């Protein structure tokens, strides 16, 4: 069982930055990986980034490469998403996720989700 609590969302102008935090806990935490998805109004949920908990290896969606940085602090059981050069199209509810390896191709199964935090980027 894993519980995830996001924080750090808010309103920012285009070109600005925000840092999201996700604190994990539970008997089965840490998971193999933590990450972030987002969902904009009227759109499907979209993968943003994830990071291997033990090795710190990051992976990013093409839409955020070069702008966002995912990291984790193992001592604090916390993952972070540093979002730079934000664009209006980044506006969405951002969800922290956690999961272990599995699936048909050996990828991560993100079975645990936080409540979401709103990120709004204005022009």
Protein backbone atom coordinates (compact mmCIF):
# COMPACT_ATOMS: atom_id res chain seq x y z
CA UNK A 1 0.00 0.00 0.00
CA UNK A 2 1.29 3.44 -1.00
CA UNK A 3 -0.05 6.88 -0.24
CA UNK A 4 1.01 9.91 -2.27
CA UNK A 5 0.47 13.58 -1.44
CA UNK A 6 1.24 16.28 -4.01
CA UNK A 7 1.91 19.93 -3.36
CA UNK A 8 3.35 22.95 -5.12
CA UNK A 9 0.79 23.68 -7.80
CA UNK A 10 -0.38 27.18 -8.51
CA UNK A 11 -0.70 29.99 -11.00
CA UNK A 12 2.32 31.18 -12.95
CA UNK A 13 2.92 33.31 -16.02
CA UNK A 14 4.27 31.81 -19.21
CA UNK A 15 8.03 31.45 -18.99
CA UNK A 16 7.95 31.03 -15.24
CA UNK A 17 8.75 28.05 -13.05
CA UNK A 18 7.12 25.87 -10.43
CA UNK A 19 8.30 22.91 -8.41
CA UNK A 20 5.90 20.13 -7.53
CA UNK A 21 6.54 17.81 -4.61
CA UNK A 22 5.17 14.35 -3.90
CA UNK A 23 5.59 12.73 -0.51
CA UNK A 24 5.23 8.96 -0.48
CA UNK A 25 4.49 6.61 2.39
CA UNK A 26 3.09 3.19 3.15
CA UNK A 27 4.16 -0.35 3.84
CA UNK A 28 5.19 -1.03 0.25
CA UNK A 29 6.92 2.30 -0.32
CA UNK A 30 9.33 2.99 -1.94
CA UNK A 31 8.05 1.69 -5.21
CA UNK A 32 10.37 0.92 -8.10
CA UNK A 33 9.54 4.27 -9.66
CA UNK A 34 7.67 7.49 -9.09
CA UNK A 35 6.44 9.86 -11.72
CA UNK A 36 3.96 12.41 -12.92
CA UNK A 37 0.98 12.41 -15.23
CA UNK A 38 -1.17 15.38 -16.13
CA UNK A 39 -4.67 15.94 -17.45
CA UNK A 40 -5.85 19.12 -19.10
CA UNK A 41 -9.55 19.98 -19.45
CA UNK A 42 -11.15 17.96 -22.21
CA UNK A 43 -8.00 15.93 -22.87
CA UNK A 44 -6.78 12.46 -22.01
CA UNK A 45 -4.38 11.85 -19.19
CA UNK A 46 -0.80 12.31 -20.40
CA UNK A 47 2.50 10.90 -19.17
CA UNK A 48 4.98 13.57 -18.10
CA UNK A 49 8.01 11.94 -16.47
CA UNK A 50 9.15 9.19 -14.15
CA UNK A 51 12.27 8.32 -12.19
CA UNK A 52 13.71 5.06 -10.92
CA UNK A 53 13.71 5.26 -7.16
CA UNK A 54 16.95 3.40 -6.52
CA UNK A 55 19.00 4.48 -9.53
CA UNK A 56 17.57 7.97 -10.08
CA UNK A 57 17.25 7.40 -13.81
CA UNK A 58 14.79 9.89 -15.35
CA UNK A 59 12.56 9.56 -18.37
CA UNK A 60 10.55 12.36 -19.96
CA UNK A 61 7.76 12.86 -22.41
CA UNK A 62 8.95 14.68 -25.52
CA UNK A 63 6.67 17.60 -24.74
CA UNK A 64 8.61 18.47 -21.58
CA UNK A 65 12.17 17.44 -22.44
CA UNK A 66 14.61 20.25 -21.79
CA UNK A 67 12.12 22.14 -19.62
CA UNK A 68 11.15 19.80 -16.77
CA UNK A 69 13.43 17.95 -14.37
CA UNK A 70 12.29 15.05 -12.21
CA UNK A 71 14.27 14.14 -9.11
CA UNK A 72 13.85 12.33 -5.83
CA UNK A 73 15.15 12.60 -2.28
CA UNK A 74 15.31 9.09 -0.89
CA UNK A 75 15.86 10.32 2.67
CA UNK A 76 12.60 12.27 2.52
CA UNK A 77 10.62 9.73 0.45
CA UNK A 78 9.79 12.61 -1.86
CA UNK A 79 9.79 13.09 -5.62
CA UNK A 80 9.98 16.48 -7.28
CA UNK A 81 9.08 17.92 -10.65
CA UNK A 82 10.91 21.14 -11.44
CA UNK A 83 8.99 22.82 -14.24
CA UNK A 84 10.81 25.58 -16.12
CA UNK A 85 9.84 27.74 -19.07
CA UNK A 86 6.20 26.90 -18.51
CA UNK A 87 3.78 27.28 -21.38
CA UNK A 88 -0.01 27.74 -21.39
CA UNK A 89 -0.34 24.23 -22.80
CA UNK A 90 1.23 22.90 -19.59
CA UNK A 91 -1.93 23.90 -17.75
CA UNK A 92 -3.37 20.74 -16.21
CA UNK A 93 -3.98 18.82 -13.04
CA UNK A 94 -0.72 17.07 -12.25
CA UNK A 95 -0.86 13.67 -10.57
CA UNK A 96 1.96 11.97 -8.73
CA UNK A 97 2.19 8.24 -9.41
CA UNK A 98 4.13 5.30 -8.01
CA UNK A 99 4.53 1.74 -9.16
CA UNK A 100 6.67 -1.29 -9.72
CA UNK A 101 8.00 -3.02 -12.80
CA UNK A 102 5.59 -5.18 -14.70
CA UNK A 103 3.47 -5.23 -17.78
CA UNK A 104 4.00 -6.83 -21.15
CA UNK A 105 7.17 -4.90 -22.01
CA UNK A 106 8.69 -4.69 -18.55
CA UNK A 107 7.66 -1.11 -17.96
CA UNK A 108 6.30 0.39 -14.79
CA UNK A 109 2.74 -0.21 -13.64
CA UNK A 110 1.66 2.99 -11.90
CA UNK A 111 -0.96 1.60 -9.56
CA UNK A 112 -0.86 4.38 -6.97
CA UNK A 113 -2.00 7.92 -7.61
CA UNK A 114 -2.10 11.11 -5.62
CA UNK A 115 -5.05 13.47 -5.46
CA UNK A 116 -3.64 15.89 -8.02
CA UNK A 117 -2.48 19.48 -7.89
CA UNK A 118 -3.57 22.22 -10.27
CA UNK A 119 -0.99 24.00 -12.41
CA UNK A 120 -2.24 26.99 -14.38
CA UNK A 121 0.02 28.88 -16.79
CA UNK A 122 -1.27 32.22 -17.99
CA UNK A 123 -0.29 34.22 -21.06
